């Protein structure tokens, strides 16, 4: 009798050796996301390389600090990735200046200006308490609908719950269609911002009592 192969799924920490794999997942997940069509419009020359450079920069910042950079691995391959910040003092990781300079050289002045404008305008409407912040969560297009995003979100919720200081989890989304997903996970909208037509919503979830 032929046996059906079962998917082996698990949440894993992304290591230095798997950074390229995680970056590929994120780049494929965010290619049409509003933030990155704002920073890198579809007509941008060499857009795939530039988008990959942005994803690598954001993923590297978490990896360099030992912050959560997690993935759902299915049969040995990453299918979804989340990058988060625990409560911290705002200091920068070693080597960040060189990484930022490289990103600027890849993106060019216009795209980098747009990226910084977005970062300055979004993400300020959260409670004045320690919290985890989810910077990115992306699922490979072919793996969407399998529940991997929710699984990674629950992992960060559990880490916030176990942290001695964190009182909740915060994030921003620029896709109105994502709001229902976050609502089901217990998030509430705490504010919104707009930069050059790009709308961003701030969301907050308090730790379970």
C-alpha atoms as a PDB file:
ATOM      1  CA  UNK A   1       0.000   0.000   0.000  1.00  0.00           C
ATOM      2  CA  UNK A   2       1.333   3.427  -0.943  1.00  0.00           C
ATOM      3  CA  UNK A   3       1.744   5.761   2.019  1.00  0.00           C
ATOM      4  CA  UNK A   4       1.075   9.471   1.712  1.00  0.00           C
ATOM      5  CA  UNK A   5       3.977  11.742   2.634  1.00  0.00           C
ATOM      6  CA  UNK A   6       3.102  14.029   5.514  1.00  0.00           C
ATOM      7  CA  UNK A   7       4.412  17.551   5.821  1.00  0.00           C
ATOM      8  CA  UNK A   8       6.819  18.007   8.699  1.00  0.00           C
ATOM      9  CA  UNK A   9       6.261  21.515  10.019  1.00  0.00           C
ATOM     10  CA  UNK A  10       8.034  23.337  12.832  1.00  0.00           C
ATOM     11  CA  UNK A  11       8.921  26.830  13.994  1.00  0.00           C
ATOM     12  CA  UNK A  12      12.689  27.413  13.858  1.00  0.00           C
ATOM     13  CA  UNK A  13      15.105  30.212  14.648  1.00  0.00           C
ATOM     14  CA  UNK A  14      16.741  31.553  11.486  1.00  0.00           C
ATOM     15  CA  UNK A  15      20.514  31.167  11.729  1.00  0.00           C
ATOM     16  CA  UNK A  16      23.262  33.071   9.901  1.00  0.00           C
ATOM     17  CA  UNK A  17      23.505  30.134   7.514  1.00  0.00           C
ATOM     18  CA  UNK A  18      19.824  30.450   6.569  1.00  0.00           C
ATOM     19  CA  UNK A  19      19.681  34.229   6.222  1.00  0.00           C
ATOM     20  CA  UNK A  20      19.632  34.049   2.410  1.00  0.00           C
ATOM     21  CA  UNK A  21      16.713  31.619   2.526  1.00  0.00           C
ATOM     22  CA  UNK A  22      14.758  33.837   4.914  1.00  0.00           C
ATOM     23  CA  UNK A  23      15.423  36.886   2.751  1.00  0.00           C
ATOM     24  CA  UNK A  24      14.079  35.075  -0.323  1.00  0.00           C
ATOM     25  CA  UNK A  25      10.860  34.259   1.529  1.00  0.00           C
ATOM     26  CA  UNK A  26      10.431  37.865   2.648  1.00  0.00           C
ATOM     27  CA  UNK A  27      11.205  39.316  -0.781  1.00  0.00           C
ATOM     28  CA  UNK A  28       8.664  37.035  -2.457  1.00  0.00           C
ATOM     29  CA  UNK A  29       6.067  37.830   0.203  1.00  0.00           C
ATOM     30  CA  UNK A  30       6.442  41.610   0.004  1.00  0.00           C
ATOM     31  CA  UNK A  31       7.003  42.245  -3.702  1.00  0.00           C
ATOM     32  CA  UNK A  32       3.520  43.785  -4.094  1.00  0.00           C
ATOM     33  CA  UNK A  33       3.123  45.120  -0.552  1.00  0.00           C
ATOM     34  CA  UNK A  34       2.176  48.830  -0.390  1.00  0.00           C
ATOM     35  CA  UNK A  35       5.278  49.918   1.544  1.00  0.00           C
ATOM     36  CA  UNK A  36       7.599  48.426  -1.016  1.00  0.00           C
ATOM     37  CA  UNK A  37       5.677  49.589  -4.064  1.00  0.00           C
ATOM     38  CA  UNK A  38       5.953  53.034  -2.441  1.00  0.00           C
ATOM     39  CA  UNK A  39       9.695  52.718  -1.822  1.00  0.00           C
ATOM     40  CA  UNK A  40      10.366  50.797  -5.037  1.00  0.00           C
ATOM     41  CA  UNK A  41       7.637  51.399  -7.652  1.00  0.00           C
ATOM     42  CA  UNK A  42       7.101  48.553 -10.128  1.00  0.00           C
ATOM     43  CA  UNK A  43       8.974  50.412 -12.873  1.00  0.00           C
ATOM     44  CA  UNK A  44      12.134  50.667 -10.724  1.00  0.00           C
ATOM     45  CA  UNK A  45      15.220  49.410 -12.528  1.00  0.00           C
ATOM     46  CA  UNK A  46      16.747  46.267 -10.986  1.00  0.00           C
ATOM     47  CA  UNK A  47      13.839  46.172  -8.545  1.00  0.00           C
ATOM     48  CA  UNK A  48      14.240  42.552  -7.391  1.00  0.00           C
ATOM     49  CA  UNK A  49      17.831  43.139  -6.311  1.00  0.00           C
ATOM     50  CA  UNK A  50      16.880  46.319  -4.477  1.00  0.00           C
ATOM     51  CA  UNK A  51      13.931  44.694  -2.712  1.00  0.00           C
ATOM     52  CA  UNK A  52      16.153  41.811  -1.651  1.00  0.00           C
ATOM     53  CA  UNK A  53      18.666  44.296  -0.224  1.00  0.00           C
ATOM     54  CA  UNK A  54      15.942  45.951   1.888  1.00  0.00           C
ATOM     55  CA  UNK A  55      14.790  42.588   3.246  1.00  0.00           C
ATOM     56  CA  UNK A  56      18.340  41.562   4.030  1.00  0.00           C
ATOM     57  CA  UNK A  57      18.917  44.802   5.949  1.00  0.00           C
ATOM     58  CA  UNK A  58      15.813  44.384   8.108  1.00  0.00           C
ATOM     59  CA  UNK A  59      16.475  40.687   8.742  1.00  0.00           C
ATOM     60  CA  UNK A  60      20.143  41.329   9.508  1.00  0.00           C
ATOM     61  CA  UNK A  61      19.258  43.908  12.166  1.00  0.00           C
ATOM     62  CA  UNK A  62      17.332  41.254  14.136  1.00  0.00           C
ATOM     63  CA  UNK A  63      19.904  38.529  13.601  1.00  0.00           C
ATOM     64  CA  UNK A  64      22.764  40.804  14.660  1.00  0.00           C
ATOM     65  CA  UNK A  65      21.032  41.527  17.976  1.00  0.00           C
ATOM     66  CA  UNK A  66      19.834  38.003  18.681  1.00  0.00           C
ATOM     67  CA  UNK A  67      16.243  39.214  18.387  1.00  0.00           C
ATOM     68  CA  UNK A  68      13.466  36.966  17.091  1.00  0.00           C
ATOM     69  CA  UNK A  69      13.953  36.048  13.439  1.00  0.00           C
ATOM     70  CA  UNK A  70      11.833  32.946  13.148  1.00  0.00           C
ATOM     71  CA  UNK A  71      10.462  30.817  10.363  1.00  0.00           C
ATOM     72  CA  UNK A  72       7.993  28.052   9.704  1.00  0.00           C
ATOM     73  CA  UNK A  73       9.960  25.215   8.151  1.00  0.00           C
ATOM     74  CA  UNK A  74       8.040  22.695   6.042  1.00  0.00           C
ATOM     75  CA  UNK A  75       9.936  19.585   4.999  1.00  0.00           C
ATOM     76  CA  UNK A  76      13.196  21.409   5.584  1.00  0.00           C
ATOM     77  CA  UNK A  77      12.349  24.600   3.673  1.00  0.00           C
ATOM     78  CA  UNK A  78      11.304  27.956   5.094  1.00  0.00           C
ATOM     79  CA  UNK A  79       7.821  29.000   4.010  1.00  0.00           C
ATOM     80  CA  UNK A  80       7.145  31.932   6.355  1.00  0.00           C
ATOM     81  CA  UNK A  81       9.323  34.344   8.334  1.00  0.00           C
ATOM     82  CA  UNK A  82       8.705  36.819  11.148  1.00  0.00           C
ATOM     83  CA  UNK A  83      11.098  39.480  12.453  1.00  0.00           C
ATOM     84  CA  UNK A  84      10.429  41.096  15.822  1.00  0.00           C
ATOM     85  CA  UNK A  85      12.025  43.389  18.387  1.00  0.00           C
ATOM     86  CA  UNK A  86      11.785  42.719  22.121  1.00  0.00           C
ATOM     87  CA  UNK A  87      11.821  45.668  24.545  1.00  0.00           C
ATOM     88  CA  UNK A  88      15.216  47.361  24.162  1.00  0.00           C
ATOM     89  CA  UNK A  89      17.127  50.542  24.886  1.00  0.00           C
ATOM     90  CA  UNK A  90      17.259  51.822  21.303  1.00  0.00           C
ATOM     91  CA  UNK A  91      20.959  51.190  20.804  1.00  0.00           C
ATOM     92  CA  UNK A  92      22.157  50.061  17.374  1.00  0.00           C
ATOM     93  CA  UNK A  93      23.900  46.774  16.514  1.00  0.00           C
ATOM     94  CA  UNK A  94      27.596  46.766  15.711  1.00  0.00           C
ATOM     95  CA  UNK A  95      28.225  47.333  12.023  1.00  0.00           C
ATOM     96  CA  UNK A  96      24.937  49.097  11.335  1.00  0.00           C
ATOM     97  CA  UNK A  97      26.612  52.097   9.682  1.00  0.00           C
ATOM     98  CA  UNK A  98      28.251  49.887   7.054  1.00  0.00           C
ATOM     99  CA  UNK A  99      24.976  48.044   6.444  1.00  0.00           C
ATOM    100  CA  UNK A 100      23.059  51.307   6.021  1.00  0.00           C
ATOM    101  CA  UNK A 101      25.682  52.672   3.635  1.00  0.00           C
ATOM    102  CA  UNK A 102      25.483  49.533   1.529  1.00  0.00           C
ATOM    103  CA  UNK A 103      21.690  49.764   1.439  1.00  0.00           C
ATOM    104  CA  UNK A 104      21.877  53.393   0.322  1.00  0.00           C
ATOM    105  CA  UNK A 105      24.310  52.464  -2.446  1.00  0.00           C
ATOM    106  CA  UNK A 106      21.977  49.724  -3.708  1.00  0.00           C
ATOM    107  CA  UNK A 107      18.721  51.676  -3.436  1.00  0.00           C
ATOM    108  CA  UNK A 108      19.824  55.102  -4.560  1.00  0.00           C
ATOM    109  CA  UNK A 109      18.853  58.432  -3.030  1.00  0.00           C
ATOM    110  CA  UNK A 110      15.188  58.559  -4.055  1.00  0.00           C
ATOM    111  CA  UNK A 111      14.249  55.097  -2.762  1.00  0.00           C
ATOM    112  CA  UNK A 112      16.221  55.578   0.443  1.00  0.00           C
ATOM    113  CA  UNK A 113      14.507  58.924   1.038  1.00  0.00           C
ATOM    114  CA  UNK A 114      11.127  57.254   0.607  1.00  0.00           C
ATOM    115  CA  UNK A 115      12.090  54.409   2.956  1.00  0.00           C
ATOM    116  CA  UNK A 116      13.159  56.840   5.679  1.00  0.00           C
ATOM    117  CA  UNK A 117      10.049  58.990   5.181  1.00  0.00           C
ATOM    118  CA  UNK A 118       7.856  55.946   5.736  1.00  0.00           C
ATOM    119  CA  UNK A 119       9.778  54.882   8.857  1.00  0.00           C
ATOM    120  CA  UNK A 120       9.529  58.382  10.326  1.00  0.00           C
ATOM    121  CA  UNK A 121       5.781  58.667   9.729  1.00  0.00           C
ATOM    122  CA  UNK A 122       4.600  55.224  10.856  1.00  0.00           C
ATOM    123  CA  UNK A 123       4.493  53.318  14.101  1.00  0.00           C
ATOM    124  CA  UNK A 124       4.135  55.893  16.849  1.00  0.00           C
ATOM    125  CA  UNK A 125       0.694  55.250  18.322  1.00  0.00           C
ATOM    126  CA  UNK A 126       1.398  52.578  20.921  1.00  0.00           C
ATOM    127  CA  UNK A 127       1.019  52.494  24.713  1.00  0.00           C
ATOM    128  CA  UNK A 128       3.967  53.901  26.648  1.00  0.00           C
ATOM    129  CA  UNK A 129       4.964  50.517  28.057  1.00  0.00           C
ATOM    130  CA  UNK A 130       7.587  47.888  27.123  1.00  0.00           C
ATOM    131  CA  UNK A 131       6.414  45.692  24.245  1.00  0.00           C
ATOM    132  CA  UNK A 132       7.454  43.420  21.411  1.00  0.00           C
ATOM    133  CA  UNK A 133       7.274  44.999  17.970  1.00  0.00           C
ATOM    134  CA  UNK A 134       6.684  42.913  14.855  1.00  0.00           C
ATOM    135  CA  UNK A 135       8.621  44.515  12.041  1.00  0.00           C
ATOM    136  CA  UNK A 136       7.834  42.011   9.287  1.00  0.00           C
ATOM    137  CA  UNK A 137       5.865  38.842   8.760  1.00  0.00           C
ATOM    138  CA  UNK A 138       5.823  37.257   5.332  1.00  0.00           C
ATOM    139  CA  UNK A 139       4.618  34.006   3.801  1.00  0.00           C
ATOM    140  CA  UNK A 140       5.760  32.597   0.467  1.00  0.00           C
ATOM    141  CA  UNK A 141       2.974  33.106  -2.085  1.00  0.00           C
ATOM    142  CA  UNK A 142       2.612  29.365  -2.684  1.00  0.00           C
ATOM    143  CA  UNK A 143       2.207  28.702   1.060  1.00  0.00           C
ATOM    144  CA  UNK A 144      -0.470  31.279   1.851  1.00  0.00           C
ATOM    145  CA  UNK A 145      -3.623  30.061   3.530  1.00  0.00           C
ATOM    146  CA  UNK A 146      -1.922  27.282   5.493  1.00  0.00           C
ATOM    147  CA  UNK A 147      -1.977  29.140   8.821  1.00  0.00           C
ATOM    148  CA  UNK A 148       1.752  29.822   9.000  1.00  0.00           C
ATOM    149  CA  UNK A 149       1.391  33.554   9.691  1.00  0.00           C
ATOM    150  CA  UNK A 150      -0.913  32.910  12.649  1.00  0.00           C
ATOM    151  CA  UNK A 151       1.481  30.281  13.958  1.00  0.00           C
ATOM    152  CA  UNK A 152       4.367  32.752  13.961  1.00  0.00           C
ATOM    153  CA  UNK A 153       2.217  35.460  15.534  1.00  0.00           C
ATOM    154  CA  UNK A 154       1.268  33.111  18.378  1.00  0.00           C
ATOM    155  CA  UNK A 155       4.961  32.412  18.932  1.00  0.00           C
ATOM    156  CA  UNK A 156       5.663  36.117  19.435  1.00  0.00           C
ATOM    157  CA  UNK A 157       2.605  36.443  21.684  1.00  0.00           C
ATOM    158  CA  UNK A 158       3.991  33.651  23.856  1.00  0.00           C
ATOM    159  CA  UNK A 159       7.398  35.335  24.036  1.00  0.00           C
ATOM    160  CA  UNK A 160       5.827  38.624  25.039  1.00  0.00           C
ATOM    161  CA  UNK A 161       3.770  36.824  27.676  1.00  0.00           C
ATOM    162  CA  UNK A 162       6.910  35.200  29.108  1.00  0.00           C
ATOM    163  CA  UNK A 163       9.079  38.344  28.996  1.00  0.00           C
ATOM    164  CA  UNK A 164       9.655  39.981  32.400  1.00  0.00           C
ATOM    165  CA  UNK A 165       8.852  43.484  31.099  1.00  0.00           C
ATOM    166  CA  UNK A 166       6.772  43.243  27.914  1.00  0.00           C
ATOM    167  CA  UNK A 167       3.109  44.082  28.302  1.00  0.00           C
ATOM    168  CA  UNK A 168       1.980  43.356  24.784  1.00  0.00           C
ATOM    169  CA  UNK A 169       2.782  43.253  21.083  1.00  0.00           C
ATOM    170  CA  UNK A 170       2.642  46.115  18.573  1.00  0.00           C
ATOM    171  CA  UNK A 171       2.836  46.256  14.799  1.00  0.00           C
ATOM    172  CA  UNK A 172       1.982  48.357  11.766  1.00  0.00           C
ATOM    173  CA  UNK A 173       0.251  47.316   8.584  1.00  0.00           C
ATOM    174  CA  UNK A 174      -0.183  49.162   5.331  1.00  0.00           C
ATOM    175  CA  UNK A 175      -2.706  46.735   3.883  1.00  0.00           C
ATOM    176  CA  UNK A 176      -6.317  47.329   4.863  1.00  0.00           C
ATOM    177  CA  UNK A 177      -7.110  43.722   3.985  1.00  0.00           C
ATOM    178  CA  UNK A 178      -4.792  42.598   6.801  1.00  0.00           C
ATOM    179  CA  UNK A 179      -6.845  44.323   9.491  1.00  0.00           C
ATOM    180  CA  UNK A 180      -9.391  41.503   9.809  1.00  0.00           C
ATOM    181  CA  UNK A 181      -6.582  38.967  10.313  1.00  0.00           C
ATOM    182  CA  UNK A 182      -5.088  40.997  13.154  1.00  0.00           C
ATOM    183  CA  UNK A 183      -8.517  41.617  14.653  1.00  0.00           C
ATOM    184  CA  UNK A 184      -9.020  37.843  14.938  1.00  0.00           C
ATOM    185  CA  UNK A 185      -5.729  37.640  16.821  1.00  0.00           C
ATOM    186  CA  UNK A 186      -6.881  40.221  19.368  1.00  0.00           C
ATOM    187  CA  UNK A 187      -5.326  43.415  17.995  1.00  0.00           C
ATOM    188  CA  UNK A 188      -6.966  46.826  18.125  1.00  0.00           C
ATOM    189  CA  UNK A 189      -6.188  49.831  15.936  1.00  0.00           C
ATOM    190  CA  UNK A 190      -4.520  52.552  18.000  1.00  0.00           C
ATOM    191  CA  UNK A 191      -3.794  55.098  15.280  1.00  0.00           C
ATOM    192  CA  UNK A 192      -3.018  55.729  11.640  1.00  0.00           C
ATOM    193  CA  UNK A 193      -0.622  57.800   9.580  1.00  0.00           C
ATOM    194  CA  UNK A 194      -0.240  58.799   5.950  1.00  0.00           C
ATOM    195  CA  UNK A 195       2.862  59.606   3.932  1.00  0.00           C
ATOM    196  CA  UNK A 196       2.529  60.579   0.259  1.00  0.00           C
ATOM    197  CA  UNK A 197      -0.653  58.547  -0.115  1.00  0.00           C
ATOM    198  CA  UNK A 198       0.630  55.493   1.770  1.00  0.00           C
ATOM    199  CA  UNK A 199      -1.688  54.656   4.677  1.00  0.00           C
ATOM    200  CA  UNK A 200      -0.322  52.922   7.773  1.00  0.00           C
ATOM    201  CA  UNK A 201      -2.284  51.564  10.742  1.00  0.00           C
ATOM    202  CA  UNK A 202      -0.814  51.023  14.212  1.00  0.00           C
ATOM    203  CA  UNK A 203      -2.127  47.964  16.070  1.00  0.00           C
ATOM    204  CA  UNK A 204      -1.763  46.775  19.647  1.00  0.00           C
ATOM    205  CA  UNK A 205      -2.444  43.543  21.510  1.00  0.00           C
ATOM    206  CA  UNK A 206      -2.135  43.459  25.274  1.00  0.00           C
ATOM    207  CA  UNK A 207      -0.756  40.315  26.868  1.00  0.00           C
ATOM    208  CA  UNK A 208      -3.333  37.853  28.142  1.00  0.00           C
ATOM    209  CA  UNK A 209      -4.289  38.380  31.761  1.00  0.00           C
END
